[in-house]
């Protein structure tokens, strides 16, 4: 499992003082994302309009013959995050939940989610010039599902690697 950002020490502050944005990437912070997720579930129950989550993880592609995995650098995270912001809409909440993990809350139909997945899969900017391997999983909110169950289900879905 990816290292969660919330497990970092106080010396290495990754969020702005308001807890809304990740200070490195300016994507939504986990605390803000979880609160928004709960609100969207409540809205969905009232309106009947569903939404989906897309989980993206990225790892450095090993380009050496030594067999040693390359570490993700800060510049990789920044380039990935900037590309992700450019590929998504303002109404989609893009959150950084782990060192190399982002989740997108998409308030649209399944076909629009598929279109977004296609855009993400074909983006050279997202792979940082083919130096990152991207994996994506997606789930749609089920009737009566709570936030934790939805996130657990998202973690269990097999990824589509690009």
C-alpha atoms as a PDB file:
ATOM      1  CA  UNK A   1       0.000   0.000   0.000  1.00  0.00           C
ATOM      2  CA  UNK A   2       1.159   3.535  -0.724  1.00  0.00           C
ATOM      3  CA  UNK A   3       2.510   5.644   2.109  1.00  0.00           C
ATOM      4  CA  UNK A   4      -0.252   7.951   3.323  1.00  0.00           C
ATOM      5  CA  UNK A   5       0.528  11.625   3.647  1.00  0.00           C
ATOM      6  CA  UNK A   6      -1.229  11.912   6.967  1.00  0.00           C
ATOM      7  CA  UNK A   7       1.500   9.787   8.575  1.00  0.00           C
ATOM      8  CA  UNK A   8       4.193  12.430   8.068  1.00  0.00           C
ATOM      9  CA  UNK A   9       5.796  14.117  11.068  1.00  0.00           C
ATOM     10  CA  UNK A  10       5.253  17.709  12.110  1.00  0.00           C
ATOM     11  CA  UNK A  11       8.675  18.773  10.787  1.00  0.00           C
ATOM     12  CA  UNK A  12       7.651  17.971   7.221  1.00  0.00           C
ATOM     13  CA  UNK A  13       4.378  19.849   6.820  1.00  0.00           C
ATOM     14  CA  UNK A  14       2.688  18.787   3.611  1.00  0.00           C
ATOM     15  CA  UNK A  15      -0.488  20.835   3.945  1.00  0.00           C
ATOM     16  CA  UNK A  16      -1.286  24.495   4.134  1.00  0.00           C
ATOM     17  CA  UNK A  17      -2.376  25.818   7.505  1.00  0.00           C
ATOM     18  CA  UNK A  18      -6.023  25.541   6.483  1.00  0.00           C
ATOM     19  CA  UNK A  19      -5.836  21.799   5.773  1.00  0.00           C
ATOM     20  CA  UNK A  20      -7.431  22.289   2.367  1.00  0.00           C
ATOM     21  CA  UNK A  21      -4.419  21.996   0.057  1.00  0.00           C
ATOM     22  CA  UNK A  22      -1.319  19.859  -0.156  1.00  0.00           C
ATOM     23  CA  UNK A  23       1.515  22.400   0.158  1.00  0.00           C
ATOM     24  CA  UNK A  24       3.722  20.690  -2.439  1.00  0.00           C
ATOM     25  CA  UNK A  25       1.201  20.189  -5.241  1.00  0.00           C
ATOM     26  CA  UNK A  26      -1.705  22.477  -4.261  1.00  0.00           C
ATOM     27  CA  UNK A  27      -4.100  19.606  -4.875  1.00  0.00           C
ATOM     28  CA  UNK A  28      -6.768  18.979  -2.232  1.00  0.00           C
ATOM     29  CA  UNK A  29      -5.511  17.618   1.085  1.00  0.00           C
ATOM     30  CA  UNK A  30      -6.873  14.308   2.439  1.00  0.00           C
ATOM     31  CA  UNK A  31      -8.906  15.971   5.209  1.00  0.00           C
ATOM     32  CA  UNK A  32     -10.671  18.243   2.716  1.00  0.00           C
ATOM     33  CA  UNK A  33     -11.242  15.376   0.279  1.00  0.00           C
ATOM     34  CA  UNK A  34     -12.787  13.123   2.946  1.00  0.00           C
ATOM     35  CA  UNK A  35     -15.139  15.916   4.035  1.00  0.00           C
ATOM     36  CA  UNK A  36     -16.166  16.615   0.428  1.00  0.00           C
ATOM     37  CA  UNK A  37     -16.682  12.885  -0.158  1.00  0.00           C
ATOM     38  CA  UNK A  38     -19.118  12.709   2.769  1.00  0.00           C
ATOM     39  CA  UNK A  39     -20.977  15.756   1.429  1.00  0.00           C
ATOM     40  CA  UNK A  40     -21.213  14.242  -2.062  1.00  0.00           C
ATOM     41  CA  UNK A  41     -22.593  10.989  -0.647  1.00  0.00           C
ATOM     42  CA  UNK A  42     -25.267  12.944   1.256  1.00  0.00           C
ATOM     43  CA  UNK A  43     -26.098  14.950  -1.868  1.00  0.00           C
ATOM     44  CA  UNK A  44     -26.306  11.776  -3.914  1.00  0.00           C
ATOM     45  CA  UNK A  45     -28.764  10.242  -1.440  1.00  0.00           C
ATOM     46  CA  UNK A  46     -31.001  13.304  -1.682  1.00  0.00           C
ATOM     47  CA  UNK A  47     -30.848  13.808  -5.443  1.00  0.00           C
ATOM     48  CA  UNK A  48     -30.235  10.307  -6.764  1.00  0.00           C
ATOM     49  CA  UNK A  49     -27.329  11.625  -8.850  1.00  0.00           C
ATOM     50  CA  UNK A  50     -24.301   9.396  -8.466  1.00  0.00           C
ATOM     51  CA  UNK A  51     -20.588  10.083  -8.826  1.00  0.00           C
ATOM     52  CA  UNK A  52     -17.370   8.153  -9.349  1.00  0.00           C
ATOM     53  CA  UNK A  53     -13.894   8.038  -7.887  1.00  0.00           C
ATOM     54  CA  UNK A  54     -10.756   7.552  -9.948  1.00  0.00           C
ATOM     55  CA  UNK A  55      -7.610   6.503  -8.113  1.00  0.00           C
ATOM     56  CA  UNK A  56      -4.294   7.164  -9.847  1.00  0.00           C
ATOM     57  CA  UNK A  57      -0.978   5.840  -8.628  1.00  0.00           C
ATOM     58  CA  UNK A  58       2.334   6.514 -10.283  1.00  0.00           C
ATOM     59  CA  UNK A  59       5.751   4.938 -10.034  1.00  0.00           C
ATOM     60  CA  UNK A  60       9.061   5.708 -11.657  1.00  0.00           C
ATOM     61  CA  UNK A  61       9.855   3.485 -14.634  1.00  0.00           C
ATOM     62  CA  UNK A  62      13.109   1.610 -14.049  1.00  0.00           C
ATOM     63  CA  UNK A  63      15.320   2.712 -16.944  1.00  0.00           C
ATOM     64  CA  UNK A  64      18.594   1.242 -15.709  1.00  0.00           C
ATOM     65  CA  UNK A  65      19.874  -2.260 -16.222  1.00  0.00           C
ATOM     66  CA  UNK A  66      20.825  -2.552 -12.545  1.00  0.00           C
ATOM     67  CA  UNK A  67      17.319  -3.656 -11.576  1.00  0.00           C
ATOM     68  CA  UNK A  68      17.194  -0.998  -8.855  1.00  0.00           C
ATOM     69  CA  UNK A  69      13.915   0.888  -8.717  1.00  0.00           C
ATOM     70  CA  UNK A  70      14.248   4.607  -9.244  1.00  0.00           C
ATOM     71  CA  UNK A  71      12.767   6.818  -6.555  1.00  0.00           C
ATOM     72  CA  UNK A  72      10.068   9.324  -7.348  1.00  0.00           C
ATOM     73  CA  UNK A  73      11.562  12.805  -7.169  1.00  0.00           C
ATOM     74  CA  UNK A  74       9.748  15.966  -6.067  1.00  0.00           C
ATOM     75  CA  UNK A  75       9.917  17.261  -9.618  1.00  0.00           C
ATOM     76  CA  UNK A  76       8.062  14.130 -10.827  1.00  0.00           C
ATOM     77  CA  UNK A  77       5.303  14.708  -8.288  1.00  0.00           C
ATOM     78  CA  UNK A  78       5.002  18.373  -9.283  1.00  0.00           C
ATOM     79  CA  UNK A  79       4.911  17.662 -13.032  1.00  0.00           C
ATOM     80  CA  UNK A  80       2.384  14.852 -12.531  1.00  0.00           C
ATOM     81  CA  UNK A  81       0.181  17.094 -10.364  1.00  0.00           C
ATOM     82  CA  UNK A  82       0.295  20.001 -12.804  1.00  0.00           C
ATOM     83  CA  UNK A  83      -0.634  17.717 -15.703  1.00  0.00           C
ATOM     84  CA  UNK A  84      -3.455  16.216 -13.633  1.00  0.00           C
ATOM     85  CA  UNK A  85      -4.846  19.697 -12.894  1.00  0.00           C
ATOM     86  CA  UNK A  86      -4.735  20.524 -16.620  1.00  0.00           C
ATOM     87  CA  UNK A  87      -6.541  17.303 -17.594  1.00  0.00           C
ATOM     88  CA  UNK A  88      -9.413  17.614 -15.101  1.00  0.00           C
ATOM     89  CA  UNK A  89     -12.223  20.113 -14.706  1.00  0.00           C
ATOM     90  CA  UNK A  90     -12.534  22.614 -11.887  1.00  0.00           C
ATOM     91  CA  UNK A  91     -15.679  20.895 -10.563  1.00  0.00           C
ATOM     92  CA  UNK A  92     -13.769  17.612 -10.140  1.00  0.00           C
ATOM     93  CA  UNK A  93     -12.013  17.390  -6.781  1.00  0.00           C
ATOM     94  CA  UNK A  94      -8.440  16.181  -7.286  1.00  0.00           C
ATOM     95  CA  UNK A  95      -6.780  15.157  -4.019  1.00  0.00           C
ATOM     96  CA  UNK A  96      -3.327  13.890  -3.167  1.00  0.00           C
ATOM     97  CA  UNK A  97      -3.814  11.069  -0.661  1.00  0.00           C
ATOM     98  CA  UNK A  98      -0.388   9.478  -0.756  1.00  0.00           C
ATOM     99  CA  UNK A  99       3.169  10.128  -1.849  1.00  0.00           C
ATOM    100  CA  UNK A 100       2.331   8.699  -5.273  1.00  0.00           C
ATOM    101  CA  UNK A 101      -1.457   8.473  -5.085  1.00  0.00           C
ATOM    102  CA  UNK A 102      -4.195  10.861  -6.175  1.00  0.00           C
ATOM    103  CA  UNK A 103      -7.972  10.447  -6.210  1.00  0.00           C
ATOM    104  CA  UNK A 104     -10.402  12.342  -8.415  1.00  0.00           C
ATOM    105  CA  UNK A 105     -14.033  12.758  -7.380  1.00  0.00           C
ATOM    106  CA  UNK A 106     -15.948  13.030 -10.668  1.00  0.00           C
ATOM    107  CA  UNK A 107     -19.495  14.380 -10.487  1.00  0.00           C
ATOM    108  CA  UNK A 108     -20.558  13.009 -13.843  1.00  0.00           C
ATOM    109  CA  UNK A 109     -21.981   9.996 -15.623  1.00  0.00           C
ATOM    110  CA  UNK A 110     -19.996   6.815 -16.234  1.00  0.00           C
ATOM    111  CA  UNK A 111     -19.382   7.750 -19.905  1.00  0.00           C
ATOM    112  CA  UNK A 112     -17.717  11.014 -18.869  1.00  0.00           C
ATOM    113  CA  UNK A 113     -15.556   9.090 -16.403  1.00  0.00           C
ATOM    114  CA  UNK A 114     -14.480   6.779 -19.246  1.00  0.00           C
ATOM    115  CA  UNK A 115     -13.622   9.830 -21.390  1.00  0.00           C
ATOM    116  CA  UNK A 116     -11.510  11.246 -18.553  1.00  0.00           C
ATOM    117  CA  UNK A 117      -9.740   7.894 -18.112  1.00  0.00           C
ATOM    118  CA  UNK A 118      -8.925   7.887 -21.823  1.00  0.00           C
ATOM    119  CA  UNK A 119      -7.541  11.437 -21.614  1.00  0.00           C
ATOM    120  CA  UNK A 120      -5.417  10.463 -18.625  1.00  0.00           C
ATOM    121  CA  UNK A 121      -4.148   7.284 -20.300  1.00  0.00           C
ATOM    122  CA  UNK A 122      -3.052   9.081 -23.474  1.00  0.00           C
ATOM    123  CA  UNK A 123      -1.414  12.102 -21.851  1.00  0.00           C
ATOM    124  CA  UNK A 124       2.356  12.348 -22.327  1.00  0.00           C
ATOM    125  CA  UNK A 125       2.455  15.129 -19.711  1.00  0.00           C
ATOM    126  CA  UNK A 126       0.914  12.881 -17.044  1.00  0.00           C
ATOM    127  CA  UNK A 127       3.611  10.248 -17.540  1.00  0.00           C
ATOM    128  CA  UNK A 128       6.236  13.012 -17.306  1.00  0.00           C
ATOM    129  CA  UNK A 129       7.664  12.213 -20.722  1.00  0.00           C
ATOM    130  CA  UNK A 130       7.233   8.448 -20.230  1.00  0.00           C
ATOM    131  CA  UNK A 131       9.238   8.333 -16.987  1.00  0.00           C
ATOM    132  CA  UNK A 132       6.251   7.411 -14.805  1.00  0.00           C
ATOM    133  CA  UNK A 133       4.018   4.365 -15.006  1.00  0.00           C
ATOM    134  CA  UNK A 134       0.409   5.260 -14.236  1.00  0.00           C
ATOM    135  CA  UNK A 135      -2.185   2.861 -12.814  1.00  0.00           C
ATOM    136  CA  UNK A 136      -5.866   3.790 -12.624  1.00  0.00           C
ATOM    137  CA  UNK A 137      -8.865   2.292 -10.887  1.00  0.00           C
ATOM    138  CA  UNK A 138     -12.402   3.582 -10.756  1.00  0.00           C
ATOM    139  CA  UNK A 139     -15.622   2.891  -8.873  1.00  0.00           C
ATOM    140  CA  UNK A 140     -19.077   4.420  -8.904  1.00  0.00           C
ATOM    141  CA  UNK A 141     -20.985   5.087  -5.689  1.00  0.00           C
ATOM    142  CA  UNK A 142     -23.424   2.262  -4.924  1.00  0.00           C
ATOM    143  CA  UNK A 143     -26.820   2.761  -3.278  1.00  0.00           C
ATOM    144  CA  UNK A 144     -26.496   3.173   0.483  1.00  0.00           C
ATOM    145  CA  UNK A 145     -22.696   3.023   0.420  1.00  0.00           C
ATOM    146  CA  UNK A 146     -20.698   5.008   2.978  1.00  0.00           C
ATOM    147  CA  UNK A 147     -17.382   6.779   2.423  1.00  0.00           C
ATOM    148  CA  UNK A 148     -15.144   4.151   4.009  1.00  0.00           C
ATOM    149  CA  UNK A 149     -16.820   1.289   2.134  1.00  0.00           C
ATOM    150  CA  UNK A 150     -16.466   3.189  -1.151  1.00  0.00           C
ATOM    151  CA  UNK A 151     -12.768   3.890  -0.537  1.00  0.00           C
ATOM    152  CA  UNK A 152     -12.138   0.286   0.503  1.00  0.00           C
ATOM    153  CA  UNK A 153     -13.822  -0.925  -2.677  1.00  0.00           C
ATOM    154  CA  UNK A 154     -11.680   1.482  -4.717  1.00  0.00           C
ATOM    155  CA  UNK A 155      -8.539   0.008  -3.112  1.00  0.00           C
ATOM    156  CA  UNK A 156      -9.649  -3.532  -4.029  1.00  0.00           C
ATOM    157  CA  UNK A 157     -10.267  -2.870  -7.743  1.00  0.00           C
ATOM    158  CA  UNK A 158      -7.519  -4.168 -10.001  1.00  0.00           C
ATOM    159  CA  UNK A 159      -5.712  -1.298 -11.737  1.00  0.00           C
ATOM    160  CA  UNK A 160      -5.524  -0.636 -15.453  1.00  0.00           C
ATOM    161  CA  UNK A 161      -1.818   0.067 -16.112  1.00  0.00           C
ATOM    162  CA  UNK A 162      -0.755   2.267 -18.988  1.00  0.00           C
END
